[in-house]
N, C-alpha and C. Protein backbone atom coordinates (compact mmCIF):
# COMPACT_ATOMS: atom_id res chain seq x y z
N UNK A 1 -9.39 2.52 -65.29
CA UNK A 1 -9.13 0.98 -64.51
C UNK A 1 -9.93 1.04 -63.14
N UNK A 2 -10.68 -0.05 -62.83
CA UNK A 2 -11.42 -0.30 -61.69
C UNK A 2 -10.96 -0.69 -60.85
N UNK A 3 -10.98 0.34 -59.82
CA UNK A 3 -10.00 -0.45 -58.32
C UNK A 3 -11.08 -0.92 -57.49
N UNK A 4 -12.55 -0.77 -57.52
CA UNK A 4 -13.67 -0.99 -56.53
C UNK A 4 -12.88 -2.37 -55.87
N UNK A 5 -12.71 -3.33 -56.85
CA UNK A 5 -12.56 -4.62 -56.22
C UNK A 5 -11.49 -4.51 -55.02
N UNK A 6 -10.62 -3.84 -55.23
CA UNK A 6 -9.50 -3.78 -54.34
C UNK A 6 -9.84 -3.37 -52.69
N UNK A 7 -11.00 -2.52 -52.53
CA UNK A 7 -11.33 -1.99 -51.37
C UNK A 7 -12.01 -2.43 -50.71
N UNK A 8 -11.97 -2.89 -49.23
CA UNK A 8 -13.34 -3.35 -48.31
C UNK A 8 -13.93 -2.49 -48.03
N UNK A 9 -15.15 -2.59 -47.48
CA UNK A 9 -16.00 -1.80 -46.89
C UNK A 9 -15.41 -1.44 -45.25
N UNK A 10 -14.80 -2.12 -44.59
CA UNK A 10 -14.42 -1.64 -43.44
C UNK A 10 -13.06 -0.90 -43.27
N UNK A 11 -12.69 -0.70 -44.49
CA UNK A 11 -11.20 0.39 -44.53
C UNK A 11 -11.76 1.59 -43.68
N UNK A 12 -13.30 2.15 -43.78
CA UNK A 12 -13.19 3.51 -43.60
C UNK A 12 -12.72 3.33 -41.82
N UNK A 13 -13.01 2.55 -41.23
CA UNK A 13 -12.79 2.16 -39.75
C UNK A 13 -11.00 1.72 -39.39
N UNK A 14 -10.64 1.38 -40.32
CA UNK A 14 -9.26 0.73 -40.23
C UNK A 14 -8.28 1.60 -39.59
N UNK A 15 -7.52 1.64 -38.46
CA UNK A 15 -6.33 2.70 -38.29
C UNK A 15 -5.19 2.85 -38.79
N UNK A 16 -5.15 1.52 -39.98
CA UNK A 16 -4.05 1.06 -40.51
C UNK A 16 -3.90 2.27 -41.93
N UNK A 17 -3.79 3.45 -41.76
CA UNK A 17 -3.03 4.49 -42.80
C UNK A 17 -2.65 3.97 -43.95
N UNK A 18 -1.59 3.13 -43.77
CA UNK A 18 -0.71 3.17 -44.56
C UNK A 18 -1.01 1.85 -45.81
N UNK A 19 -2.23 1.05 -45.48
CA UNK A 19 -2.73 -0.01 -45.92
C UNK A 19 -3.71 0.76 -47.08
N UNK A 20 -4.38 1.87 -46.49
CA UNK A 20 -4.99 2.76 -47.13
C UNK A 20 -4.65 3.77 -48.18
N UNK A 21 -3.35 4.46 -48.02
CA UNK A 21 -2.62 5.11 -48.75
C UNK A 21 -2.17 4.38 -50.12
N UNK A 22 -2.00 3.05 -49.65
CA UNK A 22 -1.96 2.41 -50.94
C UNK A 22 -2.64 1.82 -51.51
N UNK A 23 -3.89 2.12 -51.00
CA UNK A 23 -4.81 2.17 -51.89
C UNK A 23 -5.45 3.43 -52.69
N UNK A 24 -4.86 4.65 -52.45
CA UNK A 24 -5.51 5.73 -52.56
C UNK A 24 -5.88 6.80 -51.93
N UNK A 25 -6.62 6.11 -50.50
CA UNK A 25 -6.97 7.03 -49.76
C UNK A 25 -6.15 7.27 -48.67
N UNK A 26 -5.91 8.70 -48.56
CA UNK A 26 -5.11 9.24 -47.50
C UNK A 26 -5.56 10.41 -46.63
N UNK A 27 -5.77 9.99 -45.15
CA UNK A 27 -6.88 10.98 -44.41
C UNK A 27 -5.53 11.94 -43.84
N UNK A 28 -5.97 13.37 -44.41
CA UNK A 28 -4.82 14.39 -44.44
C UNK A 28 -4.41 14.69 -42.48
N UNK A 29 -5.71 14.45 -41.78
CA UNK A 29 -5.49 14.75 -40.43
C UNK A 29 -5.34 13.49 -39.40
N UNK A 30 -4.49 12.32 -40.09
CA UNK A 30 -4.28 10.97 -39.52
C UNK A 30 -3.41 10.92 -38.29
N UNK A 31 -2.30 12.30 -38.45
CA UNK A 31 -1.59 12.54 -37.07
C UNK A 31 -2.42 12.88 -35.79
N UNK A 32 -3.01 13.95 -35.96
CA UNK A 32 -4.10 14.59 -35.36
C UNK A 32 -5.01 13.52 -34.70
N UNK A 33 -5.57 12.47 -35.56
CA UNK A 33 -6.30 11.49 -35.00
C UNK A 33 -5.32 10.46 -33.88
N UNK A 34 -4.11 10.54 -34.25
CA UNK A 34 -3.27 9.09 -33.70
C UNK A 34 -2.70 10.18 -32.23
N UNK A 35 -2.88 11.43 -32.38
CA UNK A 35 -2.66 11.95 -31.11
C UNK A 35 -4.15 11.91 -30.26
N UNK A 36 -5.09 12.14 -30.81
CA UNK A 36 -6.31 12.29 -29.80
C UNK A 36 -6.17 10.65 -29.67
N UNK A 37 -6.24 9.44 -30.16
CA UNK A 37 -5.79 8.33 -29.67
C UNK A 37 -5.48 7.99 -28.78
N UNK A 38 -4.11 8.45 -28.63
CA UNK A 38 -3.19 8.39 -27.70
C UNK A 38 -3.45 9.33 -26.19
N UNK A 39 -4.15 10.26 -26.39
CA UNK A 39 -4.85 11.06 -25.54
C UNK A 39 -5.90 10.31 -24.78
N UNK A 40 -6.49 9.86 -25.47
CA UNK A 40 -7.57 9.30 -24.96
C UNK A 40 -6.95 7.70 -24.20
N UNK A 41 -6.20 7.51 -24.66
CA UNK A 41 -5.80 6.14 -23.87
C UNK A 41 -5.03 6.62 -22.79
N UNK A 42 -4.20 7.54 -22.81
CA UNK A 42 -3.78 7.97 -21.65
C UNK A 42 -4.73 8.65 -20.72
N UNK A 43 -6.00 9.11 -20.78
CA UNK A 43 -6.67 9.44 -20.19
C UNK A 43 -7.63 8.33 -19.38
N UNK A 44 -7.79 7.19 -20.06
CA UNK A 44 -8.23 6.02 -19.53
C UNK A 44 -7.28 5.44 -18.54
N UNK A 45 -6.32 5.32 -18.80
CA UNK A 45 -5.00 4.57 -17.79
C UNK A 45 -5.12 5.88 -16.33
N UNK A 46 -5.09 7.16 -16.94
CA UNK A 46 -5.25 7.94 -15.60
C UNK A 46 -6.27 8.18 -14.81
N UNK A 47 -7.55 7.56 -15.20
CA UNK A 47 -8.97 7.50 -14.87
C UNK A 47 -8.61 6.03 -13.93
N UNK A 48 -8.16 5.19 -14.78
CA UNK A 48 -8.21 3.96 -13.76
C UNK A 48 -7.42 3.70 -12.71
N UNK A 49 -6.27 4.61 -12.65
CA UNK A 49 -5.07 4.53 -11.37
C UNK A 49 -6.17 5.76 -10.59
N UNK A 50 -6.90 6.51 -10.88
CA UNK A 50 -7.40 7.13 -9.91
C UNK A 50 -8.45 6.67 -9.02
N UNK A 51 -9.29 5.60 -10.05
CA UNK A 51 -10.35 4.75 -9.50
C UNK A 51 -9.64 3.74 -8.24
N UNK A 52 -8.44 3.21 -8.60
CA UNK A 52 -7.89 2.48 -7.99
C UNK A 52 -7.29 3.32 -6.33
N UNK A 53 -6.93 4.19 -6.61
CA UNK A 53 -6.67 5.35 -5.73
C UNK A 53 -7.53 5.56 -5.07
N UNK A 54 -8.49 5.95 -5.43
CA UNK A 54 -10.22 6.28 -4.37
C UNK A 54 -10.39 4.80 -4.01
N UNK A 55 -10.49 3.80 -4.64
CA UNK A 55 -10.99 2.66 -3.76
C UNK A 55 -10.10 2.21 -2.66
N UNK A 56 -8.64 2.50 -2.72
CA UNK A 56 -7.68 2.30 -1.56
C UNK A 56 -7.96 3.16 -0.36
N UNK A 57 -8.06 4.31 -0.54
CA UNK A 57 -8.18 5.34 0.00
C UNK A 57 -9.60 5.25 0.73
N UNK A 58 -10.79 5.05 0.44
CA UNK A 58 -12.06 4.75 0.71
C UNK A 58 -11.98 3.51 1.57
N UNK A 59 -11.35 2.50 0.97
CA UNK A 59 -11.18 1.24 2.08
C UNK A 59 -10.39 1.40 3.60
N UNK A 60 -9.60 2.12 3.31
CA UNK A 60 -8.85 2.69 4.49
C UNK A 60 -9.86 3.29 5.65
N UNK A 61 -10.57 3.99 5.08
CA UNK A 61 -11.81 5.15 5.76
C UNK A 61 -12.90 4.02 6.47
N UNK A 62 -12.94 2.83 5.39
CA UNK A 62 -14.21 2.26 6.13
C UNK A 62 -13.41 1.31 7.54
N UNK A 63 -12.40 0.86 7.08
CA UNK A 63 -11.63 0.15 8.30
C UNK A 63 -11.66 1.06 9.53
N UNK A 64 -11.14 2.25 9.26
CA UNK A 64 -10.80 3.27 10.43
C UNK A 64 -12.24 3.27 10.97
N UNK A 65 -13.44 3.78 10.54
CA UNK A 65 -14.96 3.86 10.93
C UNK A 65 -15.34 2.51 11.59
N UNK A 66 -14.75 1.16 10.58
CA UNK A 66 -15.18 0.18 11.89
C UNK A 66 -14.63 -0.05 13.16
N UNK A 67 -13.06 0.20 13.31
CA UNK A 67 -12.41 0.28 14.06
C UNK A 67 -13.22 0.90 15.18
N UNK A 68 -13.71 2.42 15.22
CA UNK A 68 -14.32 3.53 15.77
C UNK A 68 -15.65 2.52 16.37
N UNK A 69 -16.34 2.07 15.13
CA UNK A 69 -17.46 1.30 16.08
C UNK A 69 -17.37 0.45 17.23
N UNK A 70 -16.33 -0.35 16.88
CA UNK A 70 -15.76 -1.48 17.41
C UNK A 70 -15.46 -1.02 19.09
N UNK A 71 -14.63 0.31 19.35
CA UNK A 71 -14.13 0.69 19.99
C UNK A 71 -15.33 1.44 21.13
N UNK A 72 -15.93 2.28 20.35
CA UNK A 72 -17.37 2.69 20.87
C UNK A 72 -18.01 1.58 21.77
N UNK A 73 -18.19 0.11 20.95
CA UNK A 73 -19.05 -0.69 21.69
C UNK A 73 -18.40 -1.03 22.59
N UNK A 74 -17.09 -1.25 22.41
CA UNK A 74 -15.92 -2.11 23.71
C UNK A 74 -16.34 -0.93 24.81
N UNK A 75 -16.11 0.45 24.68
CA UNK A 75 -16.24 1.43 25.48
C UNK A 75 -17.60 1.30 26.64
N UNK A 76 -18.69 1.20 25.97
CA UNK A 76 -20.01 1.20 26.36
C UNK A 76 -19.82 0.14 27.49
N UNK A 77 -19.36 -1.03 26.63
CA UNK A 77 -19.71 -2.68 27.41
C UNK A 77 -18.71 -2.57 28.77
N UNK A 78 -17.28 -1.70 28.52
CA UNK A 78 -16.53 -1.43 30.04
C UNK A 78 -16.99 -0.60 30.78
N UNK A 79 -17.86 0.67 30.42
CA UNK A 79 -18.46 1.53 31.26
C UNK A 79 -19.72 0.86 32.40
N UNK A 80 -20.01 -0.30 31.89
CA UNK A 80 -21.56 -0.65 32.76
C UNK A 80 -20.45 -1.47 33.77
N UNK A 81 -19.22 -1.71 33.52
CA UNK A 81 -18.62 -2.24 34.80
C UNK A 81 -17.81 -1.74 35.56
N UNK A 82 -16.94 -1.78 36.87
CA UNK A 82 -16.22 -0.72 37.29
C UNK A 82 -14.93 -0.55 36.34
N UNK A 83 -15.03 0.99 36.02
CA UNK A 83 -13.65 0.82 35.29
C UNK A 83 -12.63 2.23 35.98
N UNK A 84 -11.50 2.00 36.08
CA UNK A 84 -10.81 3.18 36.64
C UNK A 84 -10.62 4.27 35.89
N UNK A 85 -10.32 5.09 36.41
CA UNK A 85 -10.41 6.87 35.39
C UNK A 85 -9.23 6.72 34.76
N UNK A 86 -8.26 6.08 34.79
CA UNK A 86 -7.19 5.76 33.76
C UNK A 86 -7.80 5.28 32.75
N UNK A 87 -8.53 4.21 32.85
CA UNK A 87 -8.72 3.24 31.75
C UNK A 87 -9.85 4.11 30.82
N UNK A 88 -10.94 5.03 31.38
CA UNK A 88 -11.56 5.78 30.85
C UNK A 88 -10.84 6.82 30.01
N UNK A 89 -9.73 7.27 30.60
CA UNK A 89 -8.85 8.47 30.26
C UNK A 89 -7.92 7.64 28.64
N UNK A 90 -7.80 6.61 28.92
CA UNK A 90 -7.08 5.75 27.86
C UNK A 90 -8.06 5.76 26.70
N UNK A 91 -9.45 5.36 27.16
CA UNK A 91 -10.17 4.77 25.83
C UNK A 91 -10.66 6.24 25.45
N UNK A 92 -10.53 7.40 26.01
CA UNK A 92 -10.83 8.70 25.48
C UNK A 92 -9.73 8.95 24.45
N UNK A 93 -8.46 8.74 25.03
CA UNK A 93 -7.59 9.29 24.22
C UNK A 93 -7.48 8.29 22.99
N UNK A 94 -7.71 7.03 22.96
CA UNK A 94 -7.88 5.99 21.66
C UNK A 94 -8.77 6.69 20.69
N UNK A 95 -9.80 7.28 21.50
CA UNK A 95 -11.09 7.78 20.62
C UNK A 95 -10.75 8.89 19.79
N UNK A 96 -10.23 9.78 20.57
CA UNK A 96 -9.67 10.87 20.17
C UNK A 96 -8.33 10.74 18.69
N UNK A 97 -7.68 10.24 19.06
CA UNK A 97 -6.72 9.61 17.96
C UNK A 97 -7.34 9.06 16.93
N UNK A 98 -8.21 8.13 16.96
CA UNK A 98 -8.99 7.32 16.07
C UNK A 98 -9.74 8.77 15.37
N UNK A 99 -10.35 9.36 16.00
CA UNK A 99 -11.27 10.53 15.35
C UNK A 99 -10.44 11.26 14.25
N UNK A 100 -9.33 11.70 14.77
CA UNK A 100 -8.20 12.16 14.06
C UNK A 100 -8.06 11.74 12.94
N UNK A 101 -7.52 10.59 12.80
CA UNK A 101 -7.22 9.82 11.55
C UNK A 101 -8.41 9.81 10.75
N UNK A 102 -9.90 9.38 11.14
CA UNK A 102 -11.06 9.55 10.49
C UNK A 102 -11.19 10.86 9.95
N UNK A 103 -11.16 11.72 10.21
CA UNK A 103 -10.97 13.01 9.87
C UNK A 103 -9.83 13.40 8.57
N UNK A 104 -8.66 12.88 8.76
CA UNK A 104 -7.81 12.73 7.84
C UNK A 104 -7.97 12.03 6.62
N UNK A 105 -8.29 10.80 6.99
CA UNK A 105 -9.10 10.00 5.94
C UNK A 105 -10.12 10.66 5.41
N UNK A 106 -10.85 10.86 5.75
CA UNK A 106 -12.45 11.80 5.07
C UNK A 106 -11.87 12.47 4.15
N UNK A 107 -10.76 13.42 4.60
CA UNK A 107 -10.18 14.36 3.63
C UNK A 107 -9.35 14.21 2.29
N UNK A 108 -8.73 12.66 2.51
CA UNK A 108 -8.09 12.26 1.42
C UNK A 108 -9.11 11.70 0.74
N UNK A 109 -10.00 10.87 1.27
CA UNK A 109 -11.14 10.31 0.26
C UNK A 109 -11.69 11.44 -0.59
N UNK A 110 -12.10 12.36 0.32
CA UNK A 110 -12.84 13.71 -0.90
C UNK A 110 -11.72 13.96 -1.85
N UNK A 111 -10.68 13.73 -1.58
CA UNK A 111 -9.68 14.60 -2.56
C UNK A 111 -9.72 13.42 -3.56
N UNK A 112 -9.65 12.10 -3.19
CA UNK A 112 -9.58 11.23 -3.88
C UNK A 112 -10.71 11.07 -4.93
N UNK A 113 -11.83 11.02 -4.63
CA UNK A 113 -12.90 11.18 -5.10
C UNK A 113 -13.09 12.42 -6.35
N UNK A 114 -12.47 13.34 -5.85
CA UNK A 114 -12.57 14.86 -6.75
C UNK A 114 -11.58 14.54 -7.79
N UNK A 115 -10.64 13.76 -7.88
CA UNK A 115 -9.32 13.68 -8.43
C UNK A 115 -10.02 12.55 -9.53
N UNK A 116 -10.56 11.65 -9.18
CA UNK A 116 -11.49 10.47 -10.00
C UNK A 116 -12.44 10.94 -10.91
N UNK A 117 -12.84 12.14 -10.31
CA UNK A 117 -14.07 12.62 -10.86
C UNK A 117 -13.68 13.44 -12.20
N UNK A 118 -12.64 14.16 -12.08
CA UNK A 118 -11.53 15.16 -12.80
C UNK A 118 -11.74 14.23 -13.58
N UNK A 119 -10.40 13.17 -13.36
CA UNK A 119 -10.15 12.11 -14.28
C UNK A 119 -11.29 11.72 -15.37
N UNK A 120 -12.32 11.11 -15.02
CA UNK A 120 -13.42 11.20 -15.43
C UNK A 120 -13.85 11.70 -16.56
N UNK A 121 -14.14 12.96 -16.01
CA UNK A 121 -14.22 14.28 -17.49
C UNK A 121 -13.37 14.27 -18.28
N UNK A 122 -11.87 14.33 -17.78
CA UNK A 122 -10.87 14.28 -18.95
C UNK A 122 -11.25 13.13 -19.88
N UNK A 123 -11.39 11.99 -19.26
CA UNK A 123 -11.62 10.98 -20.39
C UNK A 123 -13.01 11.08 -21.33
N UNK A 124 -13.84 11.49 -20.59
CA UNK A 124 -15.18 11.78 -21.36
C UNK A 124 -14.74 12.61 -22.83
N UNK A 125 -13.92 13.81 -22.33
CA UNK A 125 -13.59 14.76 -23.24
C UNK A 125 -12.56 14.07 -24.31
N UNK A 126 -11.84 13.25 -24.09
CA UNK A 126 -11.11 13.01 -24.75
C UNK A 126 -11.63 11.74 -25.87
N UNK A 127 -12.67 10.91 -25.30
CA UNK A 127 -13.07 9.65 -25.72
C UNK A 127 -14.38 10.95 -27.07
N UNK A 128 -14.69 11.92 -26.55
CA UNK A 128 -15.64 12.95 -27.76
C UNK A 128 -14.80 13.34 -28.78
N UNK A 129 -13.60 13.73 -28.28
CA UNK A 129 -12.38 14.33 -29.35
C UNK A 129 -11.96 13.24 -30.39
N UNK A 130 -11.76 12.08 -29.60
CA UNK A 130 -11.58 10.79 -30.79
C UNK A 130 -12.40 10.60 -31.32
N UNK A 131 -13.97 10.42 -30.86
CA UNK A 131 -14.76 9.94 -31.61
C UNK A 131 -15.23 11.01 -32.69
N UNK A 132 -15.26 12.22 -32.77
CA UNK A 132 -15.60 13.26 -33.38
C UNK A 132 -14.62 13.05 -34.43
N UNK A 133 -13.37 12.91 -34.44
CA UNK A 133 -12.55 12.76 -35.49
C UNK A 133 -12.22 11.70 -36.64
N UNK A 134 -12.84 10.15 -35.59
CA UNK A 134 -13.20 9.36 -36.20
C UNK A 134 -14.36 8.91 -37.20
N UNK A 135 -15.19 10.21 -36.87
CA UNK A 135 -16.51 10.46 -37.80
C UNK A 135 -16.09 11.23 -38.98
N UNK A 136 -15.28 12.11 -38.56
CA UNK A 136 -14.85 13.15 -39.84
C UNK A 136 -14.16 12.22 -40.93
N UNK A 137 -13.18 11.45 -40.30
CA UNK A 137 -12.23 10.71 -41.14
C UNK A 137 -13.30 9.36 -42.01
N UNK A 138 -14.60 8.85 -41.36
CA UNK A 138 -15.34 7.98 -42.06
C UNK A 138 -16.19 8.60 -43.05
N UNK A 139 -16.29 10.27 -42.89
CA UNK A 139 -16.91 11.11 -43.78
C UNK A 139 -15.93 11.20 -45.25
N UNK A 140 -14.76 11.47 -44.82
CA UNK A 140 -13.88 11.75 -45.54
C UNK A 140 -13.86 10.53 -46.67
N UNK A 141 -13.85 9.27 -45.84
CA UNK A 141 -13.54 7.91 -46.65
C UNK A 141 -14.75 7.83 -47.75
N UNK A 142 -15.79 8.10 -46.99
CA UNK A 142 -17.15 7.75 -47.77
C UNK A 142 -16.83 8.45 -49.14
N UNK A 143 -16.51 9.93 -49.06
CA UNK A 143 -16.53 10.77 -50.05
C UNK A 143 -15.27 10.32 -51.16
N UNK A 144 -14.27 9.67 -50.49
CA UNK A 144 -13.34 9.56 -51.25
C UNK A 144 -14.05 8.43 -52.35
N UNK A 145 -14.37 7.43 -51.66
CA UNK A 145 -14.99 5.99 -52.46
C UNK A 145 -16.21 6.55 -53.06
N UNK A 146 -16.80 7.40 -52.81
CA UNK A 146 -18.09 7.76 -54.03
C UNK A 146 -17.32 8.34 -55.01
N UNK A 147 -16.54 9.39 -54.85
CA UNK A 147 -15.42 9.95 -55.46
C UNK A 147 -14.83 9.10 -56.91
N UNK A 148 -14.15 7.85 -56.21
CA UNK A 148 -13.80 6.77 -57.08
C UNK A 148 -14.89 6.09 -57.83
N UNK A 149 -15.94 6.17 -57.21
CA UNK A 149 -16.83 4.99 -58.26
C UNK A 149 -17.64 6.07 -59.24
N UNK A 150 -17.73 7.17 -59.17
CA UNK A 150 -17.88 8.31 -59.93
C UNK A 150 -16.97 8.31 -60.95
N UNK A 151 -15.49 8.12 -60.79
CA UNK A 151 -14.52 8.33 -61.63
C UNK A 151 -14.37 7.04 -62.56
N UNK A 152 -14.65 6.09 -61.87
CA UNK A 152 -14.76 4.73 -62.56
C UNK A 152 -15.78 4.33 -63.82
N UNK A 153 -16.87 4.85 -62.98
CA UNK A 153 -18.17 4.99 -63.88
C UNK A 153 -18.26 6.17 -65.48
N UNK A 154 -17.26 6.94 -65.25
CA UNK A 154 -17.09 7.76 -66.12
C UNK A 154 -16.05 7.34 -66.99
N UNK A 155 -15.21 6.56 -66.54
CA UNK A 155 -14.10 5.73 -67.46
C UNK A 155 -14.80 4.47 -68.24
N UNK A 156 -15.40 3.86 -67.38
CA UNK A 156 -16.32 2.62 -67.82
C UNK A 156 -17.51 3.55 -69.21
N UNK A 157 -18.33 4.33 -68.56
CA UNK A 157 -18.99 5.17 -69.63
C UNK A 157 -18.29 5.67 -71.19
N UNK A 158 -16.84 6.11 -70.92
CA UNK A 158 -15.98 6.36 -71.94
C UNK A 158 -15.51 5.53 -72.84
N UNK A 159 -15.18 4.08 -72.23
CA UNK A 159 -14.76 2.82 -72.88
C UNK A 159 -15.96 2.43 -73.61
N UNK A 160 -17.40 2.57 -73.28
CA UNK A 160 -18.23 2.28 -74.01
C UNK A 160 -18.80 3.09 -75.12
N UNK A 161 -18.62 4.39 -74.82
CA UNK A 161 -18.71 5.47 -76.04
C UNK A 161 -17.78 4.65 -77.35
N UNK A 162 -16.63 4.62 -77.09
CA UNK A 162 -15.56 4.85 -77.96
C UNK A 162 -15.70 3.21 -78.62
N UNK A 163 -16.27 2.12 -77.72
CA UNK A 163 -16.62 1.07 -78.76
C UNK A 163 -17.64 1.40 -79.52
N UNK A 164 -19.00 1.85 -79.08
CA UNK A 164 -19.65 2.47 -79.77
C UNK A 164 -19.57 2.86 -81.14
N UNK A 165 -18.65 3.87 -80.80
CA UNK A 165 -18.28 4.72 -82.21
C UNK A 165 -17.42 3.88 -83.04
N UNK A 166 -16.70 3.14 -82.65
CA UNK A 166 -15.81 2.33 -83.57
C UNK A 166 -16.49 1.14 -84.30
N UNK A 167 -17.61 0.89 -84.13
CA UNK A 167 -18.51 0.04 -84.65
C UNK A 167 -19.29 0.30 -85.73
């Protein structure tokens, strides 16, 4: 029986293993491939979250640096005028407080960057593993289709021989 007309060329790329099973092809490592796909999706979402966190932390650092720049410009302008010692002390206290906040934010930004880079590497690794299993599955499917064609051809040859012998 020739079943080749039932198969479509895209089947090797389909994630719908039940449909392929009904056509005779069953990938023995499908569950592992599904796990690898879920791991990849989890890594994608973790990386996206790490990027979002990094952007938030880096934006906060940017605003602190802009505030420091503004405070320094204001302090320079005020020092050109007559300023009391109390005002100078107040400016220094504000500047020290802001500098501490900037240092803390720089540390948080560095940690967020490292976390983002780590999540990116996990995503690259998970994508590689998933792609590797997709390639193996495609190869197995191609072997399956070649074997099906070979068996179909043998069957057709046998039918032809039987018809020839009957004549």
